């Protein structure tokens, strides 16, 4: 991750927020890794067409 365009922010000692080159965010700490970008990307890519009427 450190050789690409990945960035990280130290939140607390041992807790990091990683940002991928595509804008995804991952929280990393002693319990593992959690993708925290899901809701952000859902809002960013809304459905272009409404569903057909029933």
N, C-alpha and C. Protein backbone atom coordinates (compact mmCIF):
# COMPACT_ATOMS: atom_id res chain seq x y z
N UNK A 1 0.81 -1.20 0.00
CA UNK A 1 0.00 0.00 0.00
C UNK A 1 0.85 1.26 0.00
N UNK A 2 2.00 1.21 0.59
CA UNK A 2 2.80 2.42 0.69
C UNK A 2 3.53 2.75 -0.61
N UNK A 3 3.53 1.85 -1.60
CA UNK A 3 4.22 2.12 -2.86
C UNK A 3 3.30 2.67 -3.92
N UNK A 4 1.99 2.70 -3.67
CA UNK A 4 1.03 3.23 -4.63
C UNK A 4 0.56 4.59 -4.18
N UNK A 5 -0.64 4.94 -4.58
CA UNK A 5 -1.20 6.23 -4.21
C UNK A 5 -2.08 6.12 -2.97
N UNK A 6 -1.90 5.09 -2.17
CA UNK A 6 -2.64 4.94 -0.92
C UNK A 6 -2.17 6.00 0.06
N UNK A 7 -3.10 6.52 0.86
CA UNK A 7 -2.75 7.48 1.92
C UNK A 7 -3.33 6.97 3.22
N UNK A 8 -2.79 7.43 4.33
CA UNK A 8 -3.35 7.04 5.61
C UNK A 8 -3.28 8.20 6.59
N UNK A 9 -4.19 8.15 7.55
CA UNK A 9 -4.26 9.13 8.62
C UNK A 9 -4.24 8.37 9.93
N UNK A 10 -3.38 8.76 10.84
CA UNK A 10 -3.33 8.13 12.15
C UNK A 10 -4.42 8.76 13.01
N UNK A 11 -5.41 7.94 13.40
CA UNK A 11 -6.51 8.44 14.23
C UNK A 11 -6.13 8.42 15.70
N UNK A 12 -5.61 7.31 16.15
CA UNK A 12 -5.06 7.13 17.49
C UNK A 12 -3.90 6.16 17.34
N UNK A 13 -3.02 6.04 18.31
CA UNK A 13 -1.94 5.06 18.18
C UNK A 13 -2.50 3.66 17.90
N UNK A 14 -2.14 3.10 16.75
CA UNK A 14 -2.61 1.77 16.37
C UNK A 14 -3.91 1.77 15.58
N UNK A 15 -4.48 2.94 15.28
CA UNK A 15 -5.72 3.04 14.52
C UNK A 15 -5.50 3.98 13.34
N UNK A 16 -5.74 3.47 12.13
CA UNK A 16 -5.45 4.22 10.91
C UNK A 16 -6.66 4.26 9.99
N UNK A 17 -6.81 5.35 9.26
CA UNK A 17 -7.81 5.45 8.21
C UNK A 17 -7.06 5.48 6.89
N UNK A 18 -7.17 4.40 6.12
CA UNK A 18 -6.51 4.30 4.82
C UNK A 18 -7.45 4.77 3.74
N UNK A 19 -6.92 5.46 2.74
CA UNK A 19 -7.69 5.90 1.58
C UNK A 19 -7.03 5.33 0.34
N UNK A 20 -7.80 4.59 -0.47
CA UNK A 20 -7.28 3.97 -1.68
C UNK A 20 -7.17 5.00 -2.80
N UNK A 21 -6.46 4.68 -3.88
CA UNK A 21 -6.37 5.59 -5.02
C UNK A 21 -7.74 5.90 -5.64
N UNK A 22 -8.73 5.06 -5.42
CA UNK A 22 -10.06 5.26 -5.98
C UNK A 22 -11.02 5.94 -5.00
N UNK A 23 -10.54 6.33 -3.82
CA UNK A 23 -11.35 7.06 -2.87
C UNK A 23 -12.08 6.21 -1.84
N UNK A 24 -11.80 4.92 -1.78
CA UNK A 24 -12.41 4.07 -0.77
C UNK A 24 -11.67 4.25 0.55
N UNK A 25 -12.39 4.12 1.67
CA UNK A 25 -11.81 4.33 2.99
C UNK A 25 -11.90 3.06 3.82
N UNK A 26 -10.81 2.75 4.51
CA UNK A 26 -10.72 1.55 5.35
C UNK A 26 -10.17 1.93 6.71
N UNK A 27 -10.89 1.51 7.75
CA UNK A 27 -10.44 1.72 9.11
C UNK A 27 -9.67 0.48 9.54
N UNK A 28 -8.42 0.66 9.98
CA UNK A 28 -7.55 -0.45 10.36
C UNK A 28 -7.10 -0.26 11.79
N UNK A 29 -7.34 -1.29 12.62
CA UNK A 29 -6.86 -1.26 14.00
C UNK A 29 -6.57 -2.68 14.46
N UNK A 30 -6.40 -2.88 15.75
CA UNK A 30 -6.01 -4.19 16.27
C UNK A 30 -7.08 -5.25 16.04
N UNK A 31 -8.33 -4.85 15.75
CA UNK A 31 -9.40 -5.83 15.52
C UNK A 31 -9.50 -6.26 14.06
N UNK A 32 -8.82 -5.54 13.17
CA UNK A 32 -8.86 -5.89 11.75
C UNK A 32 -9.10 -4.66 10.89
N UNK A 33 -9.69 -4.90 9.72
CA UNK A 33 -9.94 -3.84 8.75
C UNK A 33 -11.43 -3.76 8.46
N UNK A 34 -11.96 -2.54 8.42
CA UNK A 34 -13.37 -2.31 8.15
C UNK A 34 -13.50 -1.32 7.01
N UNK A 35 -14.26 -1.69 5.96
CA UNK A 35 -14.54 -0.78 4.85
C UNK A 35 -15.58 0.22 5.34
N UNK A 36 -15.20 1.49 5.45
CA UNK A 36 -16.11 2.51 5.93
C UNK A 36 -16.54 3.45 4.80
N UNK A 37 -16.34 3.05 3.56
CA UNK A 37 -16.67 3.90 2.42
C UNK A 37 -17.97 3.51 1.75
N UNK A 38 -18.65 2.47 2.19
CA UNK A 38 -19.83 1.94 1.51
C UNK A 38 -20.92 3.00 1.33
N UNK A 39 -21.34 3.66 2.38
CA UNK A 39 -22.43 4.63 2.28
C UNK A 39 -22.05 5.82 1.40
N UNK A 40 -20.82 6.24 1.48
CA UNK A 40 -20.37 7.38 0.68
C UNK A 40 -20.48 7.07 -0.81
N UNK A 41 -20.09 5.87 -1.21
CA UNK A 41 -20.12 5.52 -2.63
C UNK A 41 -21.54 5.24 -3.10
N UNK A 42 -22.43 4.80 -2.25
CA UNK A 42 -23.82 4.59 -2.64
C UNK A 42 -24.45 5.93 -3.00
N UNK A 43 -24.20 6.97 -2.21
CA UNK A 43 -24.76 8.29 -2.49
C UNK A 43 -24.11 8.90 -3.72
N UNK A 44 -22.87 8.57 -3.95
CA UNK A 44 -22.13 9.16 -5.05
C UNK A 44 -22.60 8.64 -6.41
N UNK A 45 -23.13 7.43 -6.46
CA UNK A 45 -23.55 6.81 -7.70
C UNK A 45 -25.03 6.46 -7.65
N UNK A 46 -25.91 7.46 -7.68
CA UNK A 46 -27.34 7.15 -7.62
C UNK A 46 -27.80 6.47 -8.91
N UNK A 47 -28.93 5.80 -8.82
CA UNK A 47 -29.51 5.16 -10.00
C UNK A 47 -29.86 6.25 -11.01
N UNK A 48 -29.50 6.04 -12.26
CA UNK A 48 -29.73 7.07 -13.28
C UNK A 48 -31.18 7.11 -13.75
N UNK A 49 -31.86 5.99 -13.78
CA UNK A 49 -33.23 5.93 -14.26
C UNK A 49 -34.15 5.37 -13.19
N UNK A 50 -35.34 5.93 -13.04
CA UNK A 50 -36.27 5.37 -12.05
C UNK A 50 -36.74 3.99 -12.49
N UNK A 51 -37.12 3.13 -11.55
CA UNK A 51 -37.62 1.80 -11.94
C UNK A 51 -38.91 1.94 -12.74
N UNK A 52 -39.19 1.00 -13.65
CA UNK A 52 -40.41 1.08 -14.44
C UNK A 52 -41.64 0.96 -13.54
N UNK A 53 -42.71 1.63 -13.94
CA UNK A 53 -43.97 1.58 -13.18
C UNK A 53 -44.58 0.20 -13.28
N UNK A 54 -45.21 -0.26 -12.20
CA UNK A 54 -45.81 -1.60 -12.19
C UNK A 54 -47.17 -1.62 -12.84
